[in-house]
Amino acid sequence: MASDLLAWMGMLALTSHDARRWEPKRLRHRLFSIPASIARSARQTLLHLSARAIWASVAVDAITRLDHLNASPG
């Protein structure tokens, strides 16, 4: 199941980046190890990623793309 999630993430979220072709071990090392914290405020859940992480911009782009896919009708 985890490998399927990684494959779908590459196809849906990382379409415009070379990270789409990364091996699962590299993807886990670079994107899933970014320091982050979750905060809840005003009935919203916020994810704060470390600005010092090299690959944080790739993770933000992927999350934004998934959010746009979720918001689009149909």
PDB file of N, CA and C in Angstrom:
ATOM      1  N   MET A   1       0.813  -1.176   0.000  1.00  0.00           N
ATOM      2  CA  MET A   1       0.000   0.000   0.000  1.00  0.00           C
ATOM      3  C   MET A   1       0.869   1.257   0.000  1.00  0.00           C
ATOM      4  N   ALA A   2       1.949   1.234   0.762  1.00  0.00           N
ATOM      5  CA  ALA A   2       2.830   2.398   0.817  1.00  0.00           C
ATOM      6  C   ALA A   2       3.467   2.674  -0.538  1.00  0.00           C
ATOM      7  N   SER A   3       3.850   1.639  -1.256  1.00  0.00           N
ATOM      8  CA  SER A   3       4.451   1.857  -2.575  1.00  0.00           C
ATOM      9  C   SER A   3       3.424   2.410  -3.559  1.00  0.00           C
ATOM     10  N   ASP A   4       2.161   1.997  -3.425  1.00  0.00           N
ATOM     11  CA  ASP A   4       1.106   2.557  -4.271  1.00  0.00           C
ATOM     12  C   ASP A   4       0.897   4.038  -3.979  1.00  0.00           C
ATOM     13  N   LEU A   5       0.926   4.401  -2.703  1.00  0.00           N
ATOM     14  CA  LEU A   5       0.786   5.814  -2.349  1.00  0.00           C
ATOM     15  C   LEU A   5       1.935   6.643  -2.901  1.00  0.00           C
ATOM     16  N   LEU A   6       3.146   6.116  -2.843  1.00  0.00           N
ATOM     17  CA  LEU A   6       4.289   6.833  -3.413  1.00  0.00           C
ATOM     18  C   LEU A   6       4.139   6.998  -4.926  1.00  0.00           C
ATOM     19  N   ALA A   7       3.671   5.967  -5.593  1.00  0.00           N
ATOM     20  CA  ALA A   7       3.488   6.034  -7.045  1.00  0.00           C
ATOM     21  C   ALA A   7       2.414   7.055  -7.412  1.00  0.00           C
ATOM     22  N   TRP A   8       1.297   7.044  -6.712  1.00  0.00           N
ATOM     23  CA  TRP A   8       0.236   7.998  -6.997  1.00  0.00           C
ATOM     24  C   TRP A   8       0.667   9.410  -6.666  1.00  0.00           C
ATOM     25  N   MET A   9       1.442   9.576  -5.612  1.00  0.00           N
ATOM     26  CA  MET A   9       1.923  10.908  -5.278  1.00  0.00           C
ATOM     27  C   MET A   9       2.785  11.458  -6.401  1.00  0.00           C
ATOM     28  N   GLY A  10       3.625  10.601  -6.976  1.00  0.00           N
ATOM     29  CA  GLY A  10       4.449  11.037  -8.092  1.00  0.00           C
ATOM     30  C   GLY A  10       3.625  11.418  -9.302  1.00  0.00           C
ATOM     31  N   MET A  11       2.575  10.667  -9.574  1.00  0.00           N
ATOM     32  CA  MET A  11       1.751  10.946 -10.753  1.00  0.00           C
ATOM     33  C   MET A  11       0.855  12.164 -10.565  1.00  0.00           C
ATOM     34  N   LEU A  12       0.363  12.396  -9.365  1.00  0.00           N
ATOM     35  CA  LEU A  12      -0.590  13.477  -9.145  1.00  0.00           C
ATOM     36  C   LEU A  12       0.034  14.763  -8.619  1.00  0.00           C
ATOM     37  N   ALA A  13       0.981  14.635  -7.705  1.00  0.00           N
ATOM     38  CA  ALA A  13       1.489  15.819  -7.019  1.00  0.00           C
ATOM     39  C   ALA A  13       2.801  16.346  -7.569  1.00  0.00           C
ATOM     40  N   LEU A  14       3.612  15.489  -8.124  1.00  0.00           N
ATOM     41  CA  LEU A  14       4.945  15.913  -8.555  1.00  0.00           C
ATOM     42  C   LEU A  14       5.074  15.921 -10.077  1.00  0.00           C
ATOM     43  N   THR A  15       4.042  16.353 -10.759  1.00  0.00           N
ATOM     44  CA  THR A  15       4.020  16.269 -12.219  1.00  0.00           C
ATOM     45  C   THR A  15       5.045  17.177 -12.883  1.00  0.00           C
ATOM     46  N   SER A  16       5.355  18.313 -12.295  1.00  0.00           N
ATOM     47  CA  SER A  16       6.239  19.277 -12.951  1.00  0.00           C
ATOM     48  C   SER A  16       7.650  19.292 -12.376  1.00  0.00           C
ATOM     49  N   HIS A  17       8.038  18.254 -11.670  1.00  0.00           N
ATOM     50  CA  HIS A  17       9.358  18.233 -11.037  1.00  0.00           C
ATOM     51  C   HIS A  17      10.036  16.890 -11.287  1.00  0.00           C
ATOM     52  N   ASP A  18      11.360  16.896 -11.271  1.00  0.00           N
ATOM     53  CA  ASP A  18      12.114  15.654 -11.448  1.00  0.00           C
ATOM     54  C   ASP A  18      11.911  14.678 -10.296  1.00  0.00           C
ATOM     55  N   ALA A  19      11.357  15.150  -9.197  1.00  0.00           N
ATOM     56  CA  ALA A  19      11.102  14.277  -8.049  1.00  0.00           C
ATOM     57  C   ALA A  19      10.132  13.164  -8.408  1.00  0.00           C
ATOM     58  N   ARG A  20       9.415  13.330  -9.486  1.00  0.00           N
ATOM     59  CA  ARG A  20       8.481  12.298  -9.937  1.00  0.00           C
ATOM     60  C   ARG A  20       9.210  10.994 -10.249  1.00  0.00           C
ATOM     61  N   ARG A  21      10.453  11.089 -10.680  1.00  0.00           N
ATOM     62  CA  ARG A  21      11.226   9.909 -11.076  1.00  0.00           C
ATOM     63  C   ARG A  21      12.153   9.391  -9.977  1.00  0.00           C
ATOM     64  N   TRP A  22      12.103   9.999  -8.803  1.00  0.00           N
ATOM     65  CA  TRP A  22      12.957   9.544  -7.716  1.00  0.00           C
ATOM     66  C   TRP A  22      12.531   8.164  -7.247  1.00  0.00           C
ATOM     67  N   GLU A  23      13.499   7.408  -6.810  1.00  0.00           N
ATOM     68  CA  GLU A  23      13.239   6.103  -6.210  1.00  0.00           C
ATOM     69  C   GLU A  23      12.554   6.315  -4.854  1.00  0.00           C
ATOM     70  N   PRO A  24      11.788   5.336  -4.380  1.00  0.00           N
ATOM     71  CA  PRO A  24      11.079   5.507  -3.104  1.00  0.00           C
ATOM     72  C   PRO A  24      11.993   5.860  -1.931  1.00  0.00           C
ATOM     73  N   LYS A  25      13.175   5.260  -1.878  1.00  0.00           N
ATOM     74  CA  LYS A  25      14.083   5.558  -0.771  1.00  0.00           C
ATOM     75  C   LYS A  25      14.524   7.020  -0.800  1.00  0.00           C
ATOM     76  N   ARG A  26      14.828   7.542  -1.974  1.00  0.00           N
ATOM     77  CA  ARG A  26      15.238   8.938  -2.114  1.00  0.00           C
ATOM     78  C   ARG A  26      14.074   9.871  -1.786  1.00  0.00           C
ATOM     79  N   LEU A  27      12.882   9.516  -2.227  1.00  0.00           N
ATOM     80  CA  LEU A  27      11.692  10.329  -1.954  1.00  0.00           C
ATOM     81  C   LEU A  27      11.442  10.407  -0.452  1.00  0.00           C
ATOM     82  N   ARG A  28      11.511   9.278   0.217  1.00  0.00           N
ATOM     83  CA  ARG A  28      11.332   9.268   1.674  1.00  0.00           C
ATOM     84  C   ARG A  28      12.409  10.092   2.357  1.00  0.00           C
ATOM     85  N   HIS A  29      13.642   9.956   1.928  1.00  0.00           N
ATOM     86  CA  HIS A  29      14.748  10.669   2.560  1.00  0.00           C
ATOM     87  C   HIS A  29      14.627  12.179   2.377  1.00  0.00           C
ATOM     88  N   ARG A  30      14.249  12.615   1.183  1.00  0.00           N
ATOM     89  CA  ARG A  30      14.230  14.051   0.888  1.00  0.00           C
ATOM     90  C   ARG A  30      12.936  14.752   1.286  1.00  0.00           C
ATOM     91  N   LEU A  31      11.801  14.152   1.032  1.00  0.00           N
ATOM     92  CA  LEU A  31      10.536  14.841   1.283  1.00  0.00           C
ATOM     93  C   LEU A  31       9.895  14.486   2.617  1.00  0.00           C
ATOM     94  N   PHE A  32       9.964  13.232   3.003  1.00  0.00           N
ATOM     95  CA  PHE A  32       9.268  12.822   4.209  1.00  0.00           C
ATOM     96  C   PHE A  32      10.088  13.058   5.471  1.00  0.00           C
ATOM     97  N   SER A  33      11.294  13.558   5.334  1.00  0.00           N
ATOM     98  CA  SER A  33      12.107  13.844   6.515  1.00  0.00           C
ATOM     99  C   SER A  33      12.251  15.345   6.763  1.00  0.00           C
ATOM    100  N   ILE A  34      11.437  16.158   6.112  1.00  0.00           N
ATOM    101  CA  ILE A  34      11.467  17.605   6.318  1.00  0.00           C
ATOM    102  C   ILE A  34      10.868  17.913   7.695  1.00  0.00           C
ATOM    103  N   PRO A  35      11.591  18.661   8.530  1.00  0.00           N
ATOM    104  CA  PRO A  35      11.037  19.008   9.843  1.00  0.00           C
ATOM    105  C   PRO A  35       9.764  19.839   9.682  1.00  0.00           C
ATOM    106  N   ALA A  36       8.745  19.474  10.434  1.00  0.00           N
ATOM    107  CA  ALA A  36       7.462  20.164  10.330  1.00  0.00           C
ATOM    108  C   ALA A  36       6.731  20.109  11.657  1.00  0.00           C
ATOM    109  N   SER A  37       5.732  20.967  11.766  1.00  0.00           N
ATOM    110  CA  SER A  37       4.846  20.933  12.933  1.00  0.00           C
ATOM    111  C   SER A  37       3.420  21.189  12.458  1.00  0.00           C
ATOM    112  N   ILE A  38       2.479  20.648  13.184  1.00  0.00           N
ATOM    113  CA  ILE A  38       1.066  20.837  12.882  1.00  0.00           C
ATOM    114  C   ILE A  38       0.485  21.740  13.957  1.00  0.00           C
ATOM    115  N   ALA A  39      -0.244  22.770  13.525  1.00  0.00           N
ATOM    116  CA  ALA A  39      -0.882  23.700  14.449  1.00  0.00           C
ATOM    117  C   ALA A  39      -2.357  23.801  14.106  1.00  0.00           C
ATOM    118  N   ARG A  40      -3.161  23.978  15.123  1.00  0.00           N
ATOM    119  CA  ARG A  40      -4.600  24.168  14.914  1.00  0.00           C
ATOM    120  C   ARG A  40      -4.977  25.537  15.437  1.00  0.00           C
ATOM    121  N   SER A  41      -5.631  26.308  14.556  1.00  0.00           N
ATOM    122  CA  SER A  41      -6.027  27.661  14.915  1.00  0.00           C
ATOM    123  C   SER A  41      -7.268  28.030  14.123  1.00  0.00           C
ATOM    124  N   ALA A  42      -8.241  28.597  14.785  1.00  0.00           N
ATOM    125  CA  ALA A  42      -9.471  29.062  14.132  1.00  0.00           C
ATOM    126  C   ALA A  42     -10.102  27.972  13.278  1.00  0.00           C
ATOM    127  N   ARG A  43     -10.188  26.771  13.830  1.00  0.00           N
ATOM    128  CA  ARG A  43     -10.797  25.613  13.164  1.00  0.00           C
ATOM    129  C   ARG A  43     -10.083  25.219  11.871  1.00  0.00           C
ATOM    130  N   GLN A  44      -8.838  25.582  11.758  1.00  0.00           N
ATOM    131  CA  GLN A  44      -8.017  25.186  10.613  1.00  0.00           C
ATOM    132  C   GLN A  44      -6.812  24.425  11.119  1.00  0.00           C
ATOM    133  N   THR A  45      -6.389  23.462  10.330  1.00  0.00           N
ATOM    134  CA  THR A  45      -5.170  22.728  10.634  1.00  0.00           C
ATOM    135  C   THR A  45      -4.088  23.223   9.690  1.00  0.00           C
ATOM    136  N   LEU A  46      -2.990  23.688  10.247  1.00  0.00           N
ATOM    137  CA  LEU A  46      -1.897  24.260   9.466  1.00  0.00           C
ATOM    138  C   LEU A  46      -0.662  23.387   9.578  1.00  0.00           C
ATOM    139  N   LEU A  47       0.027  23.226   8.470  1.00  0.00           N
ATOM    140  CA  LEU A  47       1.280  22.487   8.445  1.00  0.00           C
ATOM    141  C   LEU A  47       2.406  23.481   8.221  1.00  0.00           C
ATOM    142  N   HIS A  48       3.312  23.564   9.160  1.00  0.00           N
ATOM    143  CA  HIS A  48       4.458  24.463   9.075  1.00  0.00           C
ATOM    144  C   HIS A  48       5.697  23.640   8.728  1.00  0.00           C
ATOM    145  N   LEU A  49       6.250  23.848   7.544  1.00  0.00           N
ATOM    146  CA  LEU A  49       7.469  23.166   7.122  1.00  0.00           C
ATOM    147  C   LEU A  49       8.668  24.063   7.401  1.00  0.00           C
ATOM    148  N   SER A  50       9.780  23.458   7.712  1.00  0.00           N
ATOM    149  CA  SER A  50      11.002  24.204   7.976  1.00  0.00           C
ATOM    150  C   SER A  50      11.472  24.900   6.700  1.00  0.00           C
ATOM    151  N   ALA A  51      11.722  26.189   6.786  1.00  0.00           N
ATOM    152  CA  ALA A  51      12.197  26.949   5.631  1.00  0.00           C
ATOM    153  C   ALA A  51      13.651  26.625   5.315  1.00  0.00           C
ATOM    154  N   ARG A  52      14.357  26.016   6.247  1.00  0.00           N
ATOM    155  CA  ARG A  52      15.764  25.681   6.030  1.00  0.00           C
ATOM    156  C   ARG A  52      15.960  24.386   5.256  1.00  0.00           C
ATOM    157  N   ALA A  53      14.909  23.603   5.127  1.00  0.00           N
ATOM    158  CA  ALA A  53      15.008  22.329   4.410  1.00  0.00           C
ATOM    159  C   ALA A  53      15.174  22.595   2.913  1.00  0.00           C
ATOM    160  N   ILE A  54      16.112  21.899   2.303  1.00  0.00           N
ATOM    161  CA  ILE A  54      16.420  22.111   0.886  1.00  0.00           C
ATOM    162  C   ILE A  54      15.237  21.765  -0.001  1.00  0.00           C
ATOM    163  N   TRP A  55      14.533  20.694   0.325  1.00  0.00           N
ATOM    164  CA  TRP A  55      13.456  20.193  -0.536  1.00  0.00           C
ATOM    165  C   TRP A  55      12.079  20.664  -0.096  1.00  0.00           C
ATOM    166  N   ALA A  56      11.995  21.653   0.791  1.00  0.00           N
ATOM    167  CA  ALA A  56      10.702  22.126   1.280  1.00  0.00           C
ATOM    168  C   ALA A  56       9.856  22.721   0.165  1.00  0.00           C
ATOM    169  N   SER A  57      10.457  23.390  -0.780  1.00  0.00           N
ATOM    170  CA  SER A  57       9.681  23.996  -1.874  1.00  0.00           C
ATOM    171  C   SER A  57       9.007  22.918  -2.729  1.00  0.00           C
ATOM    172  N   VAL A  58       9.678  21.794  -2.919  1.00  0.00           N
ATOM    173  CA  VAL A  58       9.080  20.689  -3.678  1.00  0.00           C
ATOM    174  C   VAL A  58       7.879  20.138  -2.919  1.00  0.00           C
ATOM    175  N   ALA A  59       8.002  19.991  -1.611  1.00  0.00           N
ATOM    176  CA  ALA A  59       6.897  19.488  -0.802  1.00  0.00           C
ATOM    177  C   ALA A  59       5.723  20.462  -0.812  1.00  0.00           C
ATOM    178  N   VAL A  60       6.003  21.758  -0.727  1.00  0.00           N
ATOM    179  CA  VAL A  60       4.930  22.758  -0.758  1.00  0.00           C
ATOM    180  C   VAL A  60       4.221  22.735  -2.106  1.00  0.00           C
ATOM    181  N   ASP A  61       4.975  22.633  -3.195  1.00  0.00           N
ATOM    182  CA  ASP A  61       4.366  22.543  -4.529  1.00  0.00           C
ATOM    183  C   ASP A  61       3.485  21.311  -4.651  1.00  0.00           C
ATOM    184  N   ALA A  62       3.929  20.181  -4.117  1.00  0.00           N
ATOM    185  CA  ALA A  62       3.152  18.948  -4.182  1.00  0.00           C
ATOM    186  C   ALA A  62       1.859  19.067  -3.374  1.00  0.00           C
ATOM    187  N   ILE A  63       1.949  19.635  -2.185  1.00  0.00           N
ATOM    188  CA  ILE A  63       0.767  19.807  -1.349  1.00  0.00           C
ATOM    189  C   ILE A  63      -0.218  20.765  -1.999  1.00  0.00           C
ATOM    190  N   THR A  64       0.293  21.847  -2.584  1.00  0.00           N
ATOM    191  CA  THR A  64      -0.566  22.807  -3.269  1.00  0.00           C
ATOM    192  C   THR A  64      -1.268  22.159  -4.454  1.00  0.00           C
ATOM    193  N   ARG A  65      -0.538  21.361  -5.212  1.00  0.00           N
ATOM    194  CA  ARG A  65      -1.140  20.676  -6.367  1.00  0.00           C
ATOM    195  C   ARG A  65      -2.233  19.713  -5.920  1.00  0.00           C
ATOM    196  N   LEU A  66      -1.988  18.955  -4.865  1.00  0.00           N
ATOM    197  CA  LEU A  66      -3.006  18.038  -4.354  1.00  0.00           C
ATOM    198  C   LEU A  66      -4.225  18.806  -3.837  1.00  0.00           C
ATOM    199  N   ASP A  67      -3.989  19.957  -3.226  1.00  0.00           N
ATOM    200  CA  ASP A  67      -5.092  20.768  -2.724  1.00  0.00           C
ATOM    201  C   ASP A  67      -5.956  21.280  -3.885  1.00  0.00           C
ATOM    202  N   HIS A  68      -5.321  21.681  -4.990  1.00  0.00           N
ATOM    203  CA  HIS A  68      -6.067  22.143  -6.166  1.00  0.00           C
ATOM    204  C   HIS A  68      -6.835  20.995  -6.810  1.00  0.00           C
ATOM    205  N   LEU A  69      -6.264  19.811  -6.822  1.00  0.00           N
ATOM    206  CA  LEU A  69      -6.974  18.648  -7.363  1.00  0.00           C
ATOM    207  C   LEU A  69      -8.193  18.308  -6.511  1.00  0.00           C
ATOM    208  N   ASN A  70      -8.050  18.459  -5.216  1.00  0.00           N
ATOM    209  CA  ASN A  70      -9.150  18.168  -4.310  1.00  0.00           C
ATOM    210  C   ASN A  70     -10.267  19.194  -4.444  1.00  0.00           C
ATOM    211  N   ALA A  71      -9.941  20.460  -4.735  1.00  0.00           N
ATOM    212  CA  ALA A  71     -10.930  21.519  -4.832  1.00  0.00           C
ATOM    213  C   ALA A  71     -11.670  21.531  -6.155  1.00  0.00           C
ATOM    214  N   SER A  72     -11.095  20.941  -7.196  1.00  0.00           N
ATOM    215  CA  SER A  72     -11.738  20.999  -8.518  1.00  0.00           C
ATOM    216  C   SER A  72     -12.932  20.047  -8.567  1.00  0.00           C
ATOM    217  N   PRO A  73     -14.032  20.487  -9.168  1.00  0.00           N
ATOM    218  CA  PRO A  73     -15.216  19.637  -9.255  1.00  0.00           C
ATOM    219  C   PRO A  73     -15.021  18.532 -10.299  1.00  0.00           C
ATOM    220  N   GLY A  74     -15.563  17.368  -9.994  1.00  0.00           N
ATOM    221  CA  GLY A  74     -15.556  16.248 -10.937  1.00  0.00           C
ATOM    222  C   GLY A  74     -14.266  15.629 -11.047  1.00  0.00           C
TER     223      GLY A  74
END
